Amino acid sequence: MSETRISVETFKQSLGQPVNFKQSGGMGELGSCAEAEPYALQVIDDSMEPEFAQGCIIIIDPTGVVRDGAYVFAVDDKSEYIFRQLRIIDGKHWLVALNDAYQRIEISGLEHIEGVITQRAGKRRSYHKWYDK
């Protein structure tokens, strides 16, 4: 299985914006959305299946409540964006894939979290689901 990640620099280049992500205050300044507005991304691998199928759309809220068990959009230790479930175990912060074929990743703290997944959408209405309500 091949895990899909995108570096922060590659992501910024694909948007055509030469912005320092950490200095900009978040993804909001990379596009036309305000910093605190939710944004949508498409899941491009199977690391979060069965809850999030490859191809589904996730809504990310940069102001969402970050807590143990939340699904998050984060920057990992390699400065790459990654979508995982946050687990806080014995004071350590882990990004965990739902698919057991992928390894968990330790991060140094909550400053790596860029937003919380609040919604899942797909082709069928029955697939739509809200999180953290």
Protein backbone atom coordinates (compact mmCIF):
# COMPACT_ATOMS: atom_id res chain seq x y z
CA MET A 1 0.00 0.00 0.00
CA SER A 2 1.24 3.42 -0.88
CA GLU A 3 0.60 6.27 1.49
CA THR A 4 -0.13 9.64 -0.06
CA ARG A 5 1.37 12.74 1.47
CA ILE A 6 2.10 16.14 0.04
CA SER A 7 4.83 18.43 1.24
CA VAL A 8 3.86 21.85 2.50
CA GLU A 9 6.04 23.47 -0.19
CA THR A 10 4.51 21.38 -3.00
CA PHE A 11 1.02 22.21 -1.79
CA LYS A 12 1.80 25.94 -1.75
CA GLN A 13 3.34 25.74 -5.23
CA SER A 14 0.28 24.00 -6.59
CA LEU A 15 -1.77 26.97 -5.39
CA GLY A 16 0.68 29.36 -7.04
CA GLN A 17 1.32 31.23 -3.80
CA PRO A 18 4.90 31.68 -2.55
CA VAL A 19 3.85 32.06 1.10
CA ASN A 20 5.63 30.85 4.22
CA PHE A 21 2.91 28.65 5.73
CA LYS A 22 3.80 29.05 9.40
CA GLN A 23 4.27 32.82 9.10
CA SER A 24 1.07 33.26 7.13
CA GLY A 25 -1.08 32.06 10.02
CA GLY A 26 -2.67 29.11 8.22
CA MET A 27 -4.10 27.89 4.96
CA GLY A 28 -6.55 30.78 4.68
CA GLU A 29 -4.01 33.13 3.17
CA LEU A 30 -3.05 30.59 0.52
CA GLY A 31 -6.41 30.89 -1.21
CA SER A 32 -9.39 33.19 -1.28
CA CYS A 33 -10.89 31.98 2.02
CA ALA A 34 -10.51 33.79 5.27
CA GLU A 35 -8.18 32.10 7.74
CA ALA A 36 -10.95 30.74 9.95
CA GLU A 37 -13.24 29.49 7.16
CA PRO A 38 -13.69 25.75 6.61
CA TYR A 39 -12.30 24.28 3.40
CA ALA A 40 -12.73 21.01 1.52
CA LEU A 41 -10.20 18.43 0.35
CA GLN A 42 -10.52 15.07 -1.36
CA VAL A 43 -9.16 11.91 0.28
CA ILE A 44 -6.66 10.42 -2.17
CA ASP A 45 -5.58 7.19 -0.49
CA ASP A 46 -6.99 4.35 1.59
CA SER A 47 -5.22 5.14 4.86
CA MET A 48 -8.43 6.27 6.60
CA GLU A 49 -10.73 3.52 5.33
CA PRO A 50 -13.28 2.26 6.16
CA GLU A 51 -14.55 5.54 7.70
CA PHE A 52 -13.24 7.76 4.89
CA ALA A 53 -13.22 6.06 1.48
CA GLN A 54 -10.72 7.06 -1.16
CA GLY A 55 -12.30 9.84 -3.24
CA CYS A 56 -14.62 11.19 -0.56
CA ILE A 57 -14.61 14.88 0.35
CA ILE A 58 -13.73 16.05 3.85
CA ILE A 59 -14.52 19.46 5.32
CA ILE A 60 -11.78 20.87 7.53
CA ASP A 61 -12.42 23.56 10.13
CA PRO A 62 -9.24 25.42 11.17
CA THR A 63 -11.01 26.58 14.34
CA GLY A 64 -12.38 23.15 15.31
CA VAL A 65 -11.92 21.65 18.76
CA VAL A 66 -8.79 19.49 18.88
CA ARG A 67 -9.09 16.55 21.27
CA ASP A 68 -8.20 12.91 21.57
CA GLY A 69 -10.00 10.89 18.90
CA ALA A 70 -10.66 13.84 16.56
CA TYR A 71 -9.95 13.44 12.86
CA VAL A 72 -7.38 16.07 11.97
CA PHE A 73 -5.48 17.63 9.09
CA ALA A 74 -1.91 18.09 10.32
CA VAL A 75 1.68 18.75 9.37
CA ASP A 76 3.86 15.76 10.26
CA ASP A 77 7.53 15.63 11.27
CA LYS A 78 8.56 15.72 7.58
CA SER A 79 6.66 19.00 6.95
CA GLU A 80 4.04 17.14 4.93
CA TYR A 81 0.27 17.44 5.23
CA ILE A 82 -1.48 14.35 6.46
CA PHE A 83 -5.04 13.36 7.39
CA ARG A 84 -5.28 11.13 10.47
CA GLN A 85 -7.01 10.53 13.76
CA LEU A 86 -5.34 12.25 16.70
CA ARG A 87 -4.66 10.01 19.69
CA ILE A 88 -3.18 11.34 22.92
CA ILE A 89 -1.64 8.49 24.90
CA ASP A 90 0.41 9.02 28.08
CA GLY A 91 1.02 12.66 27.14
CA LYS A 92 2.29 11.80 23.64
CA HIS A 93 0.49 12.92 20.47
CA TRP A 94 0.02 10.37 17.70
CA LEU A 95 -1.46 10.61 14.20
CA VAL A 96 -3.09 7.23 13.59
CA ALA A 97 -4.43 5.79 10.34
CA LEU A 98 -7.65 3.77 10.54
CA ASN A 99 -6.21 1.29 8.03
CA ASP A 100 -3.81 -0.99 9.95
CA ALA A 101 -1.46 -1.16 6.95
CA TYR A 102 -0.16 2.34 7.83
CA GLN A 103 2.08 3.22 10.76
CA ARG A 104 1.19 5.77 13.39
CA ILE A 105 3.24 8.96 13.51
CA GLU A 106 4.29 10.79 16.66
CA ILE A 107 4.12 14.59 16.62
CA SER A 108 5.57 16.93 19.22
CA GLY A 109 2.32 18.69 20.05
CA LEU A 110 -0.95 20.26 18.98
CA GLU A 111 0.81 23.05 17.05
CA HIS A 112 1.04 20.53 14.18
CA ILE A 113 -2.76 20.43 13.83
CA GLU A 114 -4.04 22.67 11.02
CA GLY A 115 -7.72 21.81 11.34
CA VAL A 116 -10.34 19.33 12.47
CA ILE A 117 -12.47 17.28 10.07
CA THR A 118 -16.10 18.24 10.68
CA GLN A 119 -17.85 16.57 7.77
CA ARG A 120 -17.55 13.78 5.21
CA ALA A 121 -19.32 13.90 1.86
CA GLY A 122 -19.56 11.56 -1.09
CA LYS A 123 -21.65 10.82 -4.15
CA ARG A 124 -24.63 9.56 -2.16
CA ARG A 125 -26.46 11.50 0.50
CA SER A 126 -26.39 8.45 2.78
CA TYR A 127 -22.58 8.71 2.84
CA HIS A 128 -22.62 12.26 4.26
CA LYS A 129 -21.71 12.45 7.93
CA TRP A 130 -21.00 15.19 10.47
CA TYR A 131 -18.24 14.90 13.08
CA ASP A 132 -17.77 16.86 16.29
CA LYS A 133 -21.33 18.20 16.55
